[in-house]
Structures are given as C-alpha cells and as structure tokens.
C-alpha atoms as a PDB file:
ATOM      1  CA  MET A   1     -16.652  70.033 -70.899  1.00  0.00           C
ATOM      2  CA  THR A   2     -13.265  69.699 -70.358  1.00  0.00           C
ATOM      3  CA  GLY A   3     -11.222  66.663 -71.101  1.00  0.00           C
ATOM      4  CA  LYS A   4      -7.650  65.372 -71.673  1.00  0.00           C
ATOM      5  CA  PRO A   5      -5.956  66.184 -74.545  1.00  0.00           C
ATOM      6  CA  SER A   6      -6.769  63.285 -77.066  1.00  0.00           C
ATOM      7  CA  PRO A   7      -3.030  61.232 -77.855  1.00  0.00           C
ATOM      8  CA  THR A   8      -1.301  61.669 -81.428  1.00  0.00           C
ATOM      9  CA  PRO A   9      -0.905  59.352 -83.510  1.00  0.00           C
ATOM     10  CA  GLY A  10       1.830  56.851 -82.908  1.00  0.00           C
ATOM     11  CA  ALA A  11       1.151  56.601 -79.700  1.00  0.00           C
ATOM     12  CA  VAL A  12       0.769  53.565 -77.472  1.00  0.00           C
ATOM     13  CA  VAL A  13      -1.788  53.307 -75.089  1.00  0.00           C
ATOM     14  CA  THR A  14      -3.099  51.367 -72.633  1.00  0.00           C
ATOM     15  CA  TYR A  15      -7.208  51.767 -72.440  1.00  0.00           C
ATOM     16  CA  LEU A  16      -9.808  49.648 -70.058  1.00  0.00           C
ATOM     17  CA  ASN A  17     -11.295  46.974 -72.422  1.00  0.00           C
ATOM     18  CA  PRO A  18     -15.027  47.881 -73.737  1.00  0.00           C
ATOM     19  CA  ASP A  19     -15.898  44.270 -74.148  1.00  0.00           C
ATOM     20  CA  VAL A  20     -17.351  43.443 -70.879  1.00  0.00           C
ATOM     21  CA  HIS A  21     -17.354  39.667 -71.112  1.00  0.00           C
ATOM     22  CA  ASP A  22     -13.841  39.602 -72.368  1.00  0.00           C
ATOM     23  CA  PRO A  23     -11.152  38.998 -69.323  1.00  0.00           C
ATOM     24  CA  THR A  24      -8.558  40.819 -70.070  1.00  0.00           C
ATOM     25  CA  THR A  25      -9.247  44.428 -68.245  1.00  0.00           C
ATOM     26  CA  PHE A  26      -6.594  46.627 -70.515  1.00  0.00           C
ATOM     27  CA  VAL A  27      -5.212  46.183 -74.149  1.00  0.00           C
ATOM     28  CA  HIS A  28      -3.373  48.060 -75.282  1.00  0.00           C
ATOM     29  CA  GLY A  29      -3.698  49.570 -78.595  1.00  0.00           C
ATOM     30  CA  VAL A  30      -1.776  51.927 -80.941  1.00  0.00           C
ATOM     31  CA  ILE A  31      -3.553  55.341 -82.948  1.00  0.00           C
ATOM     32  CA  ILE A  32      -3.375  55.756 -86.041  1.00  0.00           C
ATOM     33  CA  GLY A  33      -5.428  58.685 -86.499  1.00  0.00           C
ATOM     34  CA  GLU A  34      -6.623  62.358 -85.292  1.00  0.00           C
ATOM     35  CA  SER A  35      -9.126  62.651 -82.205  1.00  0.00           C
ATOM     36  CA  VAL A  36     -12.935  63.039 -83.710  1.00  0.00           C
ATOM     37  CA  ILE A  37     -14.809  65.531 -81.050  1.00  0.00           C
ATOM     38  CA  ASP A  38     -18.651  63.662 -80.506  1.00  0.00           C
ATOM     39  CA  PRO A  39     -20.612  67.140 -81.482  1.00  0.00           C
ATOM     40  CA  GLU A  40     -23.119  65.849 -78.786  1.00  0.00           C
ATOM     41  CA  THR A  41     -21.122  64.803 -76.272  1.00  0.00           C
ATOM     42  CA  CYS A  42     -17.792  66.682 -76.746  1.00  0.00           C
ATOM     43  CA  ARG A  43     -15.871  64.189 -76.223  1.00  0.00           C
ATOM     44  CA  ALA A  44     -12.457  63.384 -78.379  1.00  0.00           C
ATOM     45  CA  TRP A  45     -12.488  59.042 -80.450  1.00  0.00           C
ATOM     46  CA  VAL A  46      -9.059  58.154 -81.596  1.00  0.00           C
ATOM     47  CA  PRO A  47      -8.520  54.945 -84.303  1.00  0.00           C
ATOM     48  CA  VAL A  48      -7.382  52.565 -82.615  1.00  0.00           C
ATOM     49  CA  LEU A  49      -5.034  49.367 -84.218  1.00  0.00           C
ATOM     50  CA  ARG A  50      -5.570  46.643 -81.560  1.00  0.00           C
ATOM     51  CA  PRO A  51      -3.499  43.606 -81.195  1.00  0.00           C
ATOM     52  CA  GLY A  52      -4.436  40.963 -84.577  1.00  0.00           C
ATOM     53  CA  ARG A  53      -4.819  43.982 -86.636  1.00  0.00           C
ATOM     54  CA  ALA A  54      -8.587  44.856 -85.585  1.00  0.00           C
ATOM     55  CA  LEU A  55      -9.536  48.837 -85.701  1.00  0.00           C
ATOM     56  CA  SER A  56     -11.121  50.163 -82.494  1.00  0.00           C
ATOM     57  CA  ILE A  57     -12.429  53.553 -82.167  1.00  0.00           C
ATOM     58  CA  LEU A  58     -11.801  54.795 -78.613  1.00  0.00           C
ATOM     59  CA  ASP A  59     -13.344  56.539 -76.857  1.00  0.00           C
ATOM     60  CA  THR A  60     -10.107  58.324 -74.823  1.00  0.00           C
ATOM     61  CA  ALA A  61     -12.359  58.387 -71.579  1.00  0.00           C
ATOM     62  CA  ASN A  62     -11.008  54.872 -71.207  1.00  0.00           C
ATOM     63  CA  ILE A  63      -7.331  55.353 -71.833  1.00  0.00           C
ATOM     64  CA  VAL A  64      -6.076  55.050 -69.007  1.00  0.00           C
ATOM     65  CA  GLU A  65      -1.556  54.902 -69.688  1.00  0.00           C
ATOM     66  CA  VAL A  66       0.023  57.015 -72.759  1.00  0.00           C
ATOM     67  CA  GLN A  67       2.851  56.004 -74.281  1.00  0.00           C
ATOM     68  CA  PRO A  68       4.507  59.122 -77.168  1.00  0.00           C
ATOM     69  CA  ARG A  69       5.864  58.098 -79.861  1.00  0.00           C
ATOM     70  CA  ASP A  70       9.828  58.047 -80.290  1.00  0.00           C
ATOM     71  CA  THR A  71      10.968  60.596 -82.200  1.00  0.00           C
END
C-alpha cells in the first residue's frame, strides 16, 4: 500500500474531524512529532496538537491540506 508522504513536525494541517457527533467537519492542528507506521495496516499516524492544547494521534489519510512550517 502506498500513501502520501507524512507532513513534517511544525506543519499546520486541516483534517476531517473523526468525531462524528461534532458539528465541525474540518479541524486544524499542528504536527508535533514524526509519523509512526502501523505495522498491521502500513498506514502512517502523526501526533497533532489541536486547539485547546488537546493531543490527537491522527491517521494521515484524514489530512486534506498541509501548510508547511515557515522557516
């Protein structure tokens, strides 16, 4: 299974909200670490710092937009 490359730490991402009960369809967050590959599915997951300082581990398949970190 091939997938898109994982965003780098510091990138701002927009992704589909995994909470189906939340009326917000898209959520923004900042990637705070390197991706981890799930050995059973070969999918990449990344740690995301969400608004309110909540931490989520996000399947990169849900990412719809990436704004690279400013250097």
